Amino acid sequence: MKILQTLALSTVLHMLIFVSYGYSALQITPSTAFIGDSVEATVSGVANSSVDTIRFQINFGDGTVVKSPVFNGAGNFSFTATHTYSQAGNYTISALTTRTFAPAAVVIPPSTDTETRSVTIQDSPVVDVLPRGIVGELPRGIVGEEYEQTLYTTPAGRSNRYRITRGKLPPGLEIDRNGNLTGVPTKKGAFTFSIQVTGLGGA
């Protein structure tokens, strides 16, 4: 008598499910600025496991790229970078977030996502300025004695730059970027000059 035996084969399928952490958040301050003003970009993201890593990269859209250090462990992480644009225009700022998952038994490729925001950079306006309360003529100075006068603009700017556009200051005097005209005059006479301020960034 011949006995037929049946061999039952079973296969176990190991399935892997990728779970997304969601997109990162990107915040730009301010969204409109002047040449010479600082623009701040902050990107944030979440790592859910103590063995995960997360890293940010911010591209300011004009060739400037800033990378964060690598953050390890679970938690909310953020990275801030500042940048000053040298040319007017509309720029797209992008933030790349790279997460590396490191479970014990499997190898999972890194996960990336990108957030973008826009920033507008404007040319700095140029205005003529005069001392507050004085029209056309500054207070008189005396040779050999300290002289001090402050110039103002309305509205005041965050990154003003003062310069002489016509004429010359009296010898011994100078003006700084904040509009402070100071020094000790070394020569007697009448001196006529024009001052301009650029870089008005708002009050």
Protein backbone atom coordinates (compact mmCIF):
# COMPACT_ATOMS: atom_id res chain seq x y z
CA MET A 1 0.00 0.00 0.00
CA LYS A 2 1.42 3.33 -1.03
CA ILE A 3 0.88 6.27 1.26
CA LEU A 4 0.84 9.70 -0.27
CA GLN A 5 2.02 12.47 1.97
CA THR A 6 1.29 16.12 1.41
CA LEU A 7 3.78 18.73 2.50
CA ALA A 8 2.15 21.98 3.40
CA LEU A 9 4.32 25.04 2.81
CA SER A 10 3.59 28.34 4.41
CA THR A 11 5.20 31.70 3.76
CA VAL A 12 5.44 34.52 6.23
CA LEU A 13 5.48 37.95 4.64
CA HIS A 14 7.19 40.69 6.61
CA MET A 15 5.58 44.00 5.75
CA LEU A 16 7.04 47.44 6.42
CA ILE A 17 4.90 50.55 6.67
CA PHE A 18 6.46 54.00 6.33
CA VAL A 19 4.85 56.55 8.59
CA SER A 20 5.31 60.22 7.71
CA TYR A 21 6.11 62.74 10.42
CA GLY A 22 4.30 65.51 8.52
CA TYR A 23 5.70 68.67 7.04
CA SER A 24 7.99 71.10 8.77
CA ALA A 25 7.05 74.70 9.46
CA LEU A 26 8.93 77.69 8.02
CA GLN A 27 8.52 81.28 9.19
CA ILE A 28 10.07 84.38 7.59
CA THR A 29 10.42 87.74 9.38
CA PRO A 30 9.89 90.23 7.83
CA SER A 31 8.33 89.23 4.51
CA THR A 32 9.18 92.65 3.03
CA ALA A 33 12.49 94.38 3.77
CA PHE A 34 15.00 96.85 2.38
CA ILE A 35 18.52 96.19 1.15
CA GLY A 36 20.74 96.02 4.23
CA ASP A 37 17.97 94.82 6.57
CA SER A 38 18.24 91.42 8.26
CA VAL A 39 15.77 88.71 7.20
CA GLU A 40 15.21 85.89 9.70
CA ALA A 41 14.15 82.37 8.69
CA THR A 42 13.07 79.82 11.31
CA VAL A 43 12.31 76.19 10.45
CA SER A 44 10.97 73.64 12.92
CA GLY A 45 10.21 69.93 12.89
CA VAL A 46 9.51 66.92 15.10
CA ALA A 47 11.43 63.72 15.81
CA ASN A 48 9.36 61.02 17.52
CA SER A 49 12.00 58.50 18.54
CA SER A 50 15.04 58.74 20.78
CA VAL A 51 17.15 57.11 18.05
CA ASP A 52 16.04 59.44 15.24
CA THR A 53 18.00 62.41 13.89
CA ILE A 54 16.80 65.58 12.19
CA ARG A 55 18.66 68.30 10.26
CA PHE A 56 17.57 71.53 8.56
CA GLN A 57 18.93 73.42 5.56
CA ILE A 58 17.78 76.95 4.67
CA ASN A 59 18.29 78.34 1.16
CA PHE A 60 17.75 82.12 0.96
CA GLY A 61 17.31 82.08 -2.82
CA ASP A 62 20.35 84.17 -3.73
CA GLY A 63 22.98 81.45 -3.43
CA THR A 64 23.24 81.59 0.36
CA VAL A 65 22.64 78.22 2.05
CA VAL A 66 22.84 77.67 5.82
CA LYS A 67 22.82 74.21 7.44
CA SER A 68 21.86 73.39 11.00
CA PRO A 69 23.69 70.94 13.24
CA VAL A 70 22.25 67.42 13.51
CA PHE A 71 19.66 67.11 16.28
CA ASN A 72 19.28 63.73 18.01
CA GLY A 73 16.45 62.20 20.00
CA ALA A 74 12.73 62.76 20.29
CA GLY A 75 11.24 66.23 20.55
CA ASN A 76 10.48 69.48 18.77
CA PHE A 77 13.50 71.09 17.14
CA SER A 78 14.01 74.45 15.42
CA PHE A 79 16.78 76.32 13.65
CA THR A 80 17.05 80.05 12.87
CA ALA A 81 19.31 81.76 10.33
CA THR A 82 19.56 85.44 9.38
CA HIS A 83 20.59 86.93 6.07
CA THR A 84 21.08 90.37 4.52
CA TYR A 85 20.32 90.80 0.82
CA SER A 86 22.49 93.06 -1.33
CA GLN A 87 20.11 93.38 -4.29
CA ALA A 88 16.43 94.20 -4.62
CA GLY A 89 14.04 91.56 -5.93
CA ASN A 90 11.62 88.79 -5.05
CA TYR A 91 13.29 85.75 -3.49
CA THR A 92 12.01 82.28 -2.61
CA ILE A 93 13.34 80.97 0.68
CA SER A 94 13.21 77.19 1.06
CA ALA A 95 13.82 74.96 4.07
CA LEU A 96 14.79 71.31 3.59
CA THR A 97 14.21 68.99 6.54
CA THR A 98 15.93 65.60 6.58
CA ARG A 99 14.92 62.96 9.12
CA THR A 100 16.84 59.72 9.61
CA PHE A 101 14.97 56.85 11.22
CA ALA A 102 16.99 54.24 13.10
CA PRO A 103 14.84 51.39 14.44
CA ALA A 104 16.71 48.37 15.78
CA ALA A 105 15.77 45.68 13.25
CA VAL A 106 15.23 47.42 9.90
CA VAL A 107 16.91 50.00 7.73
CA ILE A 108 14.67 52.87 6.61
CA PRO A 109 15.83 55.48 4.09
CA PRO A 110 15.89 59.13 5.23
CA SER A 111 12.71 61.17 4.88
CA THR A 112 12.81 64.71 3.47
CA ASP A 113 10.31 67.50 3.01
CA THR A 114 10.59 71.11 1.84
CA GLU A 115 8.75 74.27 2.82
CA THR A 116 8.99 77.53 0.85
CA ARG A 117 8.15 81.17 1.54
CA SER A 118 8.62 84.41 -0.42
CA VAL A 119 10.40 87.60 0.61
CA THR A 120 10.48 90.94 -1.21
CA ILE A 121 13.60 93.10 -0.97
CA GLN A 122 13.23 96.76 -1.92
CA ASP A 123 15.78 99.41 -2.83
CA SER A 124 16.58 101.71 0.07
CA PRO A 125 14.93 105.11 -0.36
CA VAL A 126 17.11 108.23 -0.32
CA VAL A 127 15.95 111.37 1.51
CA ASP A 128 17.49 114.72 2.38
CA VAL A 129 17.76 115.39 6.10
CA LEU A 130 18.17 118.41 8.34
CA PRO A 131 18.70 118.75 12.08
CA ARG A 132 15.49 118.64 14.09
CA GLY A 133 14.02 122.10 14.54
CA ILE A 134 16.66 123.73 12.34
CA VAL A 135 16.13 124.79 8.73
CA GLY A 136 19.19 125.28 6.58
CA GLU A 137 21.79 126.26 9.20
CA LEU A 138 23.46 124.29 11.99
CA PRO A 139 24.45 125.82 15.34
CA ARG A 140 27.74 127.71 15.24
CA GLY A 141 30.94 126.03 16.33
CA ILE A 142 34.08 127.42 17.97
CA VAL A 143 37.60 126.46 16.93
CA GLY A 144 39.18 124.20 19.56
CA GLU A 145 35.93 123.42 21.37
CA GLU A 146 33.89 120.20 21.25
CA TYR A 147 30.99 120.30 18.79
CA GLU A 148 28.01 117.91 18.78
CA GLN A 149 24.78 117.89 16.77
CA THR A 150 22.45 114.98 15.98
CA LEU A 151 20.56 114.69 12.69
CA TYR A 152 17.19 112.96 12.44
CA THR A 153 15.00 111.36 9.78
CA THR A 154 11.26 110.81 9.83
CA PRO A 155 10.43 107.97 10.01
CA ALA A 156 13.60 106.72 11.68
CA GLY A 157 15.28 103.80 9.93
CA ARG A 158 16.80 100.63 11.33
CA SER A 159 19.90 100.67 9.12
CA ASN A 160 20.50 104.27 8.04
CA ARG A 161 23.75 105.35 6.42
CA TYR A 162 24.65 109.04 6.40
CA ARG A 163 27.01 110.56 3.86
CA ILE A 164 28.08 113.93 2.50
CA THR A 165 26.76 114.46 -1.05
CA ARG A 166 27.95 118.02 -1.70
CA GLY A 167 30.51 120.27 -0.06
CA LYS A 168 32.70 119.37 2.93
CA LEU A 169 32.39 119.27 6.69
CA PRO A 170 34.48 121.74 8.69
CA PRO A 171 37.95 120.26 9.33
CA GLY A 172 37.90 118.27 12.57
CA LEU A 173 34.25 117.22 12.33
CA GLU A 174 32.82 113.89 11.19
CA ILE A 175 29.41 112.24 10.95
CA ASP A 176 28.65 108.62 11.88
CA ARG A 177 25.95 106.31 10.52
CA ASN A 178 23.57 107.31 13.33
CA GLY A 179 23.58 110.96 12.27
CA ASN A 180 25.85 112.23 15.05
CA LEU A 181 27.94 115.18 13.86
CA THR A 182 30.82 115.49 16.31
CA GLY A 183 34.42 116.61 16.70
CA VAL A 184 36.57 119.66 17.46
CA PRO A 185 36.69 122.31 14.68
CA THR A 186 40.23 123.23 13.67
CA LYS A 187 39.57 125.94 11.09
CA LYS A 188 37.49 129.11 11.11
CA GLY A 189 35.05 129.78 8.27
CA ALA A 190 31.61 129.13 6.77
CA PHE A 191 31.13 125.61 5.42
CA THR A 192 28.21 124.51 3.24
CA PHE A 193 27.40 120.85 2.67
CA SER A 194 24.50 118.48 1.97
CA ILE A 195 23.84 115.22 3.82
CA GLN A 196 21.78 112.28 2.62
CA VAL A 197 20.65 109.19 4.47
CA THR A 198 19.95 105.85 2.82
CA GLY A 199 18.60 102.57 4.13
CA LEU A 200 15.33 103.64 5.73
CA GLY A 201 13.88 100.40 7.06
CA GLY A 202 10.91 101.69 9.03
CA ALA A 203 10.54 102.97 12.57
